[in-house]
Amino acid sequence: MGRFENVTALALPVAGAVVADLGCGPGRLTRALLGAEGGAPAVVHAVDVAATLDDDLLLDARVRAHIADLDRPLPLPDASLDAAASINVLEHLRDPAAHLDDVGRLLRPGGRFVLAHSDWDTALFSSVDDRLTRTLIDQWVAHSPGAGARVDGFAGRKLLRYADASGLDVESVHSWADPHRRFDVGSVAWKVATGVLAAASADTALSARAAGWVDELRHLADAGRFLFTVTDVAVVLRKDPTS
């Protein structure tokens, strides 16, 4: 299973449940929640800062799309969710603790929140120059992008720290690393590699080497010898059933 299916399984949605995909993007987690093996939820609230949800999901009667700033209280009633989940959201927030408090407000007693994040420092690329790959990944995870963007290369390993301050109970902790063989535009590996290029751009010599590194990845992919993976971490939080 991929990360979206793994997170769905951990959320334990049941038929008729009301769930939320926080930071939904185009809706890959929303799709997985709608196809949950335990029974499709009655409603999936798909929340993000911009209108990026795929058109077919917007037309699905079970999906409620919300454009909202996740750094502010979310536009949902108290105790309205049976479960919620997010993937790779916390690194973009100004105040993760406040966000987790708000998720706790939205959960019904006994409700679950699956907090998942990739730990980007663990990114693995097949390469003929392992030393250069390590240099580039180190540069990327230490990079502070402009325009107010927030990226934390070590977010996955920090989830328990955030969980401890959330007021929700830690039910379980999980990790996995999905293998990816693609390196075409839009693939996970391609997205990470473009971030690596951006992080190296301020150093002329390193930038040139990074461009060559990306070309090498393309050649490996064309030859069927490319592999990318990154460790994902998920913490399952549960609201006190008696609260």
C-alpha atoms as a PDB file:
ATOM      1  CA  MET A   1       0.000   0.000   0.000  1.00  0.00           C
ATOM      2  CA  GLY A   2       1.042   3.609  -0.549  1.00  0.00           C
ATOM      3  CA  ARG A   3       1.096   6.376   2.047  1.00  0.00           C
ATOM      4  CA  PHE A   4      -2.499   7.444   1.384  1.00  0.00           C
ATOM      5  CA  GLU A   5      -3.858   3.933   1.816  1.00  0.00           C
ATOM      6  CA  ASN A   6      -1.712   3.428   4.929  1.00  0.00           C
ATOM      7  CA  VAL A   7      -3.047   6.603   6.521  1.00  0.00           C
ATOM      8  CA  THR A   8      -6.623   5.650   5.629  1.00  0.00           C
ATOM      9  CA  ALA A   9      -6.207   2.256   7.293  1.00  0.00           C
ATOM     10  CA  LEU A  10      -4.860   3.917  10.450  1.00  0.00           C
ATOM     11  CA  ALA A  11      -7.787   6.356  10.579  1.00  0.00           C
ATOM     12  CA  LEU A  12     -10.149   3.342  10.776  1.00  0.00           C
ATOM     13  CA  PRO A  13     -13.048   5.026   8.988  1.00  0.00           C
ATOM     14  CA  VAL A  14     -16.325   3.128   9.100  1.00  0.00           C
ATOM     15  CA  ALA A  15     -19.387   3.292   6.888  1.00  0.00           C
ATOM     16  CA  GLY A  16     -21.317   6.455   7.624  1.00  0.00           C
ATOM     17  CA  ALA A  17     -18.458   8.239   9.387  1.00  0.00           C
ATOM     18  CA  VAL A  18     -17.649  11.915   9.010  1.00  0.00           C
ATOM     19  CA  VAL A  19     -13.946  12.439   8.360  1.00  0.00           C
ATOM     20  CA  ALA A  20     -11.598  15.231   7.272  1.00  0.00           C
ATOM     21  CA  ASP A  21      -8.601  15.416   4.961  1.00  0.00           C
ATOM     22  CA  LEU A  22      -6.637  18.410   6.244  1.00  0.00           C
ATOM     23  CA  GLY A  23      -4.323  19.925   3.649  1.00  0.00           C
ATOM     24  CA  CYS A  24      -6.014  17.871   0.941  1.00  0.00           C
ATOM     25  CA  GLY A  25      -4.210  19.200  -2.167  1.00  0.00           C
ATOM     26  CA  PRO A  26      -5.658  17.499  -5.282  1.00  0.00           C
ATOM     27  CA  GLY A  27      -7.316  14.883  -3.069  1.00  0.00           C
ATOM     28  CA  ARG A  28      -5.282  11.674  -3.101  1.00  0.00           C
ATOM     29  CA  LEU A  29      -6.010  11.041   0.577  1.00  0.00           C
ATOM     30  CA  THR A  30      -9.648  12.039   0.035  1.00  0.00           C
ATOM     31  CA  ARG A  31      -9.894   9.327  -2.655  1.00  0.00           C
ATOM     32  CA  ALA A  32      -8.350   6.747  -0.353  1.00  0.00           C
ATOM     33  CA  LEU A  33     -10.755   7.654   2.454  1.00  0.00           C
ATOM     34  CA  LEU A  34     -13.732   7.336   0.098  1.00  0.00           C
ATOM     35  CA  GLY A  35     -12.538   3.873  -0.899  1.00  0.00           C
ATOM     36  CA  ALA A  36     -11.818   2.622   2.625  1.00  0.00           C
ATOM     37  CA  GLU A  37     -12.187  -1.146   2.953  1.00  0.00           C
ATOM     38  CA  GLY A  38     -14.090  -0.836   6.229  1.00  0.00           C
ATOM     39  CA  GLY A  39     -16.842   1.071   4.474  1.00  0.00           C
ATOM     40  CA  ALA A  40     -16.932   4.453   2.803  1.00  0.00           C
ATOM     41  CA  PRO A  41     -17.511   7.436   5.077  1.00  0.00           C
ATOM     42  CA  ALA A  42     -20.689   9.432   4.604  1.00  0.00           C
ATOM     43  CA  VAL A  43     -18.795  12.704   4.346  1.00  0.00           C
ATOM     44  CA  VAL A  44     -15.179  13.717   3.722  1.00  0.00           C
ATOM     45  CA  HIS A  45     -14.376  17.341   4.481  1.00  0.00           C
ATOM     46  CA  ALA A  46     -11.489  18.230   2.139  1.00  0.00           C
ATOM     47  CA  VAL A  47      -9.722  21.317   3.511  1.00  0.00           C
ATOM     48  CA  ASP A  48      -6.873  23.335   2.026  1.00  0.00           C
ATOM     49  CA  VAL A  49      -5.665  26.885   1.595  1.00  0.00           C
ATOM     50  CA  ALA A  50      -6.430  26.916  -2.147  1.00  0.00           C
ATOM     51  CA  ALA A  51      -8.895  25.332  -4.575  1.00  0.00           C
ATOM     52  CA  THR A  52      -6.737  22.424  -5.770  1.00  0.00           C
ATOM     53  CA  LEU A  53      -9.144  19.497  -5.371  1.00  0.00           C
ATOM     54  CA  ASP A  54      -9.642  17.406  -8.523  1.00  0.00           C
ATOM     55  CA  ASP A  55     -12.868  18.192 -10.398  1.00  0.00           C
ATOM     56  CA  ASP A  56     -14.398  14.730 -10.040  1.00  0.00           C
ATOM     57  CA  LEU A  57     -14.016  14.935  -6.258  1.00  0.00           C
ATOM     58  CA  LEU A  58     -15.658  18.346  -6.228  1.00  0.00           C
ATOM     59  CA  LEU A  59     -18.659  16.712  -7.946  1.00  0.00           C
ATOM     60  CA  ASP A  60     -18.801  13.783  -5.492  1.00  0.00           C
ATOM     61  CA  ALA A  61     -21.823  14.233  -3.211  1.00  0.00           C
ATOM     62  CA  ARG A  62     -19.849  12.832  -0.267  1.00  0.00           C
ATOM     63  CA  VAL A  63     -17.108  15.481  -0.472  1.00  0.00           C
ATOM     64  CA  ARG A  64     -17.347  18.885   1.168  1.00  0.00           C
ATOM     65  CA  ALA A  65     -14.594  21.194  -0.097  1.00  0.00           C
ATOM     66  CA  HIS A  66     -13.392  24.022   2.159  1.00  0.00           C
ATOM     67  CA  ILE A  67     -10.850  26.748   1.392  1.00  0.00           C
ATOM     68  CA  ALA A  68      -9.369  27.654   4.761  1.00  0.00           C
ATOM     69  CA  ASP A  69      -6.144  28.722   6.437  1.00  0.00           C
ATOM     70  CA  LEU A  70      -4.993  25.783   8.556  1.00  0.00           C
ATOM     71  CA  ASP A  71      -3.225  28.247  10.848  1.00  0.00           C
ATOM     72  CA  ARG A  72      -6.653  29.523  11.932  1.00  0.00           C
ATOM     73  CA  PRO A  73      -9.644  27.755  13.524  1.00  0.00           C
ATOM     74  CA  LEU A  74     -11.157  25.504  10.880  1.00  0.00           C
ATOM     75  CA  PRO A  75     -14.696  26.217   9.611  1.00  0.00           C
ATOM     76  CA  LEU A  76     -16.258  23.081  11.094  1.00  0.00           C
ATOM     77  CA  PRO A  77     -18.411  22.645  14.215  1.00  0.00           C
ATOM     78  CA  ASP A  78     -17.075  21.330  17.510  1.00  0.00           C
ATOM     79  CA  ALA A  79     -17.177  17.528  17.903  1.00  0.00           C
ATOM     80  CA  SER A  80     -18.263  17.044  14.286  1.00  0.00           C
ATOM     81  CA  LEU A  81     -15.622  14.535  13.104  1.00  0.00           C
ATOM     82  CA  ASP A  82     -15.197  10.825  13.728  1.00  0.00           C
ATOM     83  CA  ALA A  83     -11.687  10.953  12.269  1.00  0.00           C
ATOM     84  CA  ALA A  84      -9.223  13.319  10.623  1.00  0.00           C
ATOM     85  CA  ALA A  85      -5.907  12.899   8.864  1.00  0.00           C
ATOM     86  CA  SER A  86      -3.141  14.990   7.376  1.00  0.00           C
ATOM     87  CA  ILE A  87      -0.013  14.223   5.388  1.00  0.00           C
ATOM     88  CA  ASN A  88       2.970  16.604   5.146  1.00  0.00           C
ATOM     89  CA  VAL A  89       1.071  19.563   6.577  1.00  0.00           C
ATOM     90  CA  LEU A  90       2.765  20.480   9.868  1.00  0.00           C
ATOM     91  CA  GLU A  91       5.965  21.785   8.283  1.00  0.00           C
ATOM     92  CA  HIS A  92       3.947  24.530   6.571  1.00  0.00           C
ATOM     93  CA  LEU A  93       2.193  25.815   9.705  1.00  0.00           C
ATOM     94  CA  ARG A  94       3.231  28.792  11.816  1.00  0.00           C
ATOM     95  CA  ASP A  95       1.863  27.189  14.994  1.00  0.00           C
ATOM     96  CA  PRO A  96       1.484  23.384  14.774  1.00  0.00           C
ATOM     97  CA  ALA A  97       0.407  23.175  18.433  1.00  0.00           C
ATOM     98  CA  ALA A  98      -2.528  25.522  17.847  1.00  0.00           C
ATOM     99  CA  HIS A  99      -3.544  23.480  14.798  1.00  0.00           C
ATOM    100  CA  LEU A 100      -3.526  20.254  16.814  1.00  0.00           C
ATOM    101  CA  ASP A 101      -5.623  21.910  19.518  1.00  0.00           C
ATOM    102  CA  ASP A 102      -8.148  22.882  16.869  1.00  0.00           C
ATOM    103  CA  VAL A 103      -8.262  19.348  15.486  1.00  0.00           C
ATOM    104  CA  GLY A 104      -8.971  18.152  19.025  1.00  0.00           C
ATOM    105  CA  ARG A 105     -11.905  20.562  19.140  1.00  0.00           C
ATOM    106  CA  LEU A 106     -13.344  19.053  15.950  1.00  0.00           C
ATOM    107  CA  LEU A 107     -13.079  15.406  17.034  1.00  0.00           C
ATOM    108  CA  ARG A 108     -15.898  13.619  18.769  1.00  0.00           C
ATOM    109  CA  PRO A 109     -15.008  11.757  21.989  1.00  0.00           C
ATOM    110  CA  GLY A 110     -12.982   8.724  20.958  1.00  0.00           C
ATOM    111  CA  GLY A 111     -12.234  10.209  17.527  1.00  0.00           C
ATOM    112  CA  ARG A 112      -8.882   9.606  15.824  1.00  0.00           C
ATOM    113  CA  PHE A 113      -6.428  11.938  14.161  1.00  0.00           C
ATOM    114  CA  VAL A 114      -3.691  10.428  11.978  1.00  0.00           C
ATOM    115  CA  LEU A 115      -0.798  12.870  11.863  1.00  0.00           C
ATOM    116  CA  ALA A 116       1.596  11.785   9.110  1.00  0.00           C
ATOM    117  CA  HIS A 117       4.722  13.355   7.679  1.00  0.00           C
ATOM    118  CA  SER A 118       7.668  12.380   5.510  1.00  0.00           C
ATOM    119  CA  ASP A 119      11.073  12.745   7.116  1.00  0.00           C
ATOM    120  CA  TRP A 120      12.873  14.317   4.162  1.00  0.00           C
ATOM    121  CA  ASP A 121      16.382  13.759   5.540  1.00  0.00           C
ATOM    122  CA  THR A 122      15.831  10.052   4.858  1.00  0.00           C
ATOM    123  CA  ALA A 123      15.302  10.581   1.111  1.00  0.00           C
ATOM    124  CA  LEU A 124      17.052   7.842  -0.887  1.00  0.00           C
ATOM    125  CA  PHE A 125      17.947   8.179  -4.565  1.00  0.00           C
ATOM    126  CA  SER A 126      19.695   5.547  -6.629  1.00  0.00           C
ATOM    127  CA  SER A 127      22.769   7.290  -8.005  1.00  0.00           C
ATOM    128  CA  VAL A 128      26.248   6.622  -9.335  1.00  0.00           C
ATOM    129  CA  ASP A 129      27.657   9.281  -6.972  1.00  0.00           C
ATOM    130  CA  ASP A 130      26.485   8.568  -3.429  1.00  0.00           C
ATOM    131  CA  ARG A 131      28.683  11.279  -1.898  1.00  0.00           C
ATOM    132  CA  LEU A 132      27.161  13.974  -4.132  1.00  0.00           C
ATOM    133  CA  THR A 133      23.660  12.677  -3.395  1.00  0.00           C
ATOM    134  CA  ARG A 134      24.289  12.963   0.360  1.00  0.00           C
ATOM    135  CA  THR A 135      25.676  16.486  -0.082  1.00  0.00           C
ATOM    136  CA  LEU A 136      22.648  17.575  -2.076  1.00  0.00           C
ATOM    137  CA  ILE A 137      20.126  16.074   0.363  1.00  0.00           C
ATOM    138  CA  ASP A 138      21.924  17.728   3.296  1.00  0.00           C
ATOM    139  CA  GLN A 139      21.821  21.053   1.455  1.00  0.00           C
ATOM    140  CA  TRP A 140      18.129  20.626   0.711  1.00  0.00           C
ATOM    141  CA  VAL A 141      16.980  19.773   4.232  1.00  0.00           C
ATOM    142  CA  ALA A 142      18.974  22.720   5.634  1.00  0.00           C
ATOM    143  CA  HIS A 143      17.606  25.109   3.001  1.00  0.00           C
ATOM    144  CA  SER A 144      15.211  27.902   4.002  1.00  0.00           C
ATOM    145  CA  PRO A 145      13.086  28.712   0.932  1.00  0.00           C
ATOM    146  CA  GLY A 146      11.906  32.248   0.298  1.00  0.00           C
ATOM    147  CA  ALA A 147       8.433  33.724  -0.133  1.00  0.00           C
ATOM    148  CA  GLY A 148       7.390  32.632   3.346  1.00  0.00           C
ATOM    149  CA  ALA A 149       7.512  28.910   2.524  1.00  0.00           C
ATOM    150  CA  ARG A 150       8.218  26.517   5.367  1.00  0.00           C
ATOM    151  CA  VAL A 151       9.969  23.196   4.930  1.00  0.00           C
ATOM    152  CA  ASP A 152      11.298  21.034   7.754  1.00  0.00           C
ATOM    153  CA  GLY A 153      13.537  18.229   6.576  1.00  0.00           C
ATOM    154  CA  PHE A 154      13.230  16.520   9.965  1.00  0.00           C
ATOM    155  CA  ALA A 155       9.466  16.871  10.496  1.00  0.00           C
ATOM    156  CA  GLY A 156       8.713  13.147  10.559  1.00  0.00           C
ATOM    157  CA  ARG A 157      10.897  12.453  13.574  1.00  0.00           C
ATOM    158  CA  LYS A 158       9.344  15.389  15.456  1.00  0.00           C
ATOM    159  CA  LEU A 159       5.743  14.181  15.365  1.00  0.00           C
ATOM    160  CA  LEU A 160       5.796  12.731  18.872  1.00  0.00           C
ATOM    161  CA  ARG A 161       7.032  16.073  20.180  1.00  0.00           C
ATOM    162  CA  TYR A 162       4.002  17.766  18.654  1.00  0.00           C
ATOM    163  CA  ALA A 163       1.728  14.955  19.831  1.00  0.00           C
ATOM    164  CA  ASP A 164       2.859  15.302  23.444  1.00  0.00           C
ATOM    165  CA  ALA A 165       1.697  18.916  23.459  1.00  0.00           C
ATOM    166  CA  SER A 166      -1.618  18.244  21.716  1.00  0.00           C
ATOM    167  CA  GLY A 167      -3.860  17.144  24.561  1.00  0.00           C
ATOM    168  CA  LEU A 168      -4.725  14.018  22.552  1.00  0.00           C
ATOM    169  CA  ASP A 169      -3.633  10.519  23.560  1.00  0.00           C
ATOM    170  CA  VAL A 170      -0.964   8.734  21.502  1.00  0.00           C
ATOM    171  CA  GLU A 171      -2.507   5.442  20.432  1.00  0.00           C
ATOM    172  CA  SER A 172       0.252   4.133  18.137  1.00  0.00           C
ATOM    173  CA  VAL A 173       3.237   5.117  15.990  1.00  0.00           C
ATOM    174  CA  HIS A 174       4.026   3.767  12.528  1.00  0.00           C
ATOM    175  CA  SER A 175       6.562   4.222   9.752  1.00  0.00           C
ATOM    176  CA  TRP A 176       7.070   2.939   6.226  1.00  0.00           C
ATOM    177  CA  ALA A 177       9.039   3.678   3.070  1.00  0.00           C
ATOM    178  CA  ASP A 178       7.257   3.246  -0.251  1.00  0.00           C
ATOM    179  CA  PRO A 179       9.462   2.457  -3.286  1.00  0.00           C
ATOM    180  CA  HIS A 180       9.047   4.766  -6.298  1.00  0.00           C
ATOM    181  CA  ARG A 181      10.466   3.866  -9.712  1.00  0.00           C
ATOM    182  CA  ARG A 182       9.203   6.887 -11.684  1.00  0.00           C
ATOM    183  CA  PHE A 183      11.125  10.068 -12.410  1.00  0.00           C
ATOM    184  CA  ASP A 184       8.723  11.845 -14.750  1.00  0.00           C
ATOM    185  CA  VAL A 185       7.282  15.325 -14.177  1.00  0.00           C
ATOM    186  CA  GLY A 186       4.885  15.266 -11.239  1.00  0.00           C
ATOM    187  CA  SER A 187       6.277  12.114  -9.622  1.00  0.00           C
ATOM    188  CA  VAL A 188       7.305  12.247  -5.958  1.00  0.00           C
ATOM    189  CA  ALA A 189      10.968  11.800  -6.848  1.00  0.00           C
ATOM    190  CA  TRP A 190      10.795  14.582  -9.433  1.00  0.00           C
ATOM    191  CA  LYS A 191       9.223  16.968  -6.917  1.00  0.00           C
ATOM    192  CA  VAL A 192      11.962  16.264  -4.382  1.00  0.00           C
ATOM    193  CA  ALA A 193      14.668  16.633  -7.034  1.00  0.00           C
ATOM    194  CA  THR A 194      13.309  20.065  -8.040  1.00  0.00           C
ATOM    195  CA  GLY A 195      13.549  21.068  -4.386  1.00  0.00           C
ATOM    196  CA  VAL A 196      17.152  19.854  -4.348  1.00  0.00           C
ATOM    197  CA  LEU A 197      17.909  21.988  -7.428  1.00  0.00           C
ATOM    198  CA  ALA A 198      16.362  25.064  -5.786  1.00  0.00           C
ATOM    199  CA  ALA A 199      18.366  24.532  -2.607  1.00  0.00           C
ATOM    200  CA  ALA A 200      21.620  24.304  -4.594  1.00  0.00           C
ATOM    201  CA  SER A 201      20.923  27.330  -6.800  1.00  0.00           C
ATOM    202  CA  ALA A 202      22.805  29.850  -4.629  1.00  0.00           C
ATOM    203  CA  ASP A 203      26.083  27.932  -5.065  1.00  0.00           C
ATOM    204  CA  THR A 204      27.142  28.106  -8.729  1.00  0.00           C
ATOM    205  CA  ALA A 205      29.462  25.107  -8.595  1.00  0.00           C
ATOM    206  CA  LEU A 206      27.036  22.939  -6.627  1.00  0.00           C
ATOM    207  CA  SER A 207      24.135  24.027  -8.845  1.00  0.00           C
ATOM    208  CA  ALA A 208      25.940  22.787 -11.935  1.00  0.00           C
ATOM    209  CA  ARG A 209      26.691  19.461 -10.260  1.00  0.00           C
ATOM    210  CA  ALA A 210      23.045  19.199  -9.138  1.00  0.00           C
ATOM    211  CA  ALA A 211      21.832  19.710 -12.710  1.00  0.00           C
ATOM    212  CA  GLY A 212      24.101  16.894 -13.848  1.00  0.00           C
ATOM    213  CA  TRP A 213      22.814  14.745 -10.980  1.00  0.00           C
ATOM    214  CA  VAL A 214      19.223  15.235 -12.148  1.00  0.00           C
ATOM    215  CA  ASP A 215      20.202  14.273 -15.713  1.00  0.00           C
ATOM    216  CA  GLU A 216      21.801  11.137 -14.307  1.00  0.00           C
ATOM    217  CA  LEU A 217      18.559  10.268 -12.469  1.00  0.00           C
ATOM    218  CA  ARG A 218      16.659  10.590 -15.759  1.00  0.00           C
ATOM    219  CA  HIS A 219      19.072   8.209 -17.465  1.00  0.00           C
ATOM    220  CA  LEU A 220      18.737   5.692 -14.617  1.00  0.00           C
ATOM    221  CA  ALA A 221      14.946   5.900 -14.861  1.00  0.00           C
ATOM    222  CA  ASP A 222      15.045   5.405 -18.644  1.00  0.00           C
ATOM    223  CA  ALA A 223      17.180   2.314 -18.089  1.00  0.00           C
ATOM    224  CA  GLY A 224      14.810   0.939 -15.436  1.00  0.00           C
ATOM    225  CA  ARG A 225      17.430   1.263 -12.691  1.00  0.00           C
ATOM    226  CA  PHE A 226      15.966   4.172 -10.738  1.00  0.00           C
ATOM    227  CA  LEU A 227      14.697   3.986  -7.158  1.00  0.00           C
ATOM    228  CA  PHE A 228      13.486   6.681  -4.794  1.00  0.00           C
ATOM    229  CA  THR A 229      12.091   6.278  -1.311  1.00  0.00           C
ATOM    230  CA  VAL A 230      11.619   8.342   1.844  1.00  0.00           C
ATOM    231  CA  THR A 231      10.567   7.322   5.347  1.00  0.00           C
ATOM    232  CA  ASP A 232       7.043   8.346   6.328  1.00  0.00           C
ATOM    233  CA  VAL A 233       6.028   8.520   9.977  1.00  0.00           C
ATOM    234  CA  ALA A 234       2.455   8.483  11.285  1.00  0.00           C
ATOM    235  CA  VAL A 235       1.207   9.037  14.820  1.00  0.00           C
ATOM    236  CA  VAL A 236      -2.345   7.954  15.624  1.00  0.00           C
ATOM    237  CA  LEU A 237      -3.883  10.310  18.189  1.00  0.00           C
ATOM    238  CA  ARG A 238      -7.162   9.680  19.956  1.00  0.00           C
ATOM    239  CA  LYS A 239      -9.468  12.005  21.825  1.00  0.00           C
ATOM    240  CA  ASP A 240     -10.417  10.827  25.299  1.00  0.00           C
ATOM    241  CA  PRO A 241     -13.721   8.918  24.921  1.00  0.00           C
ATOM    242  CA  THR A 242     -14.968  10.468  28.156  1.00  0.00           C
ATOM    243  CA  SER A 243     -14.237  14.089  27.219  1.00  0.00           C
END
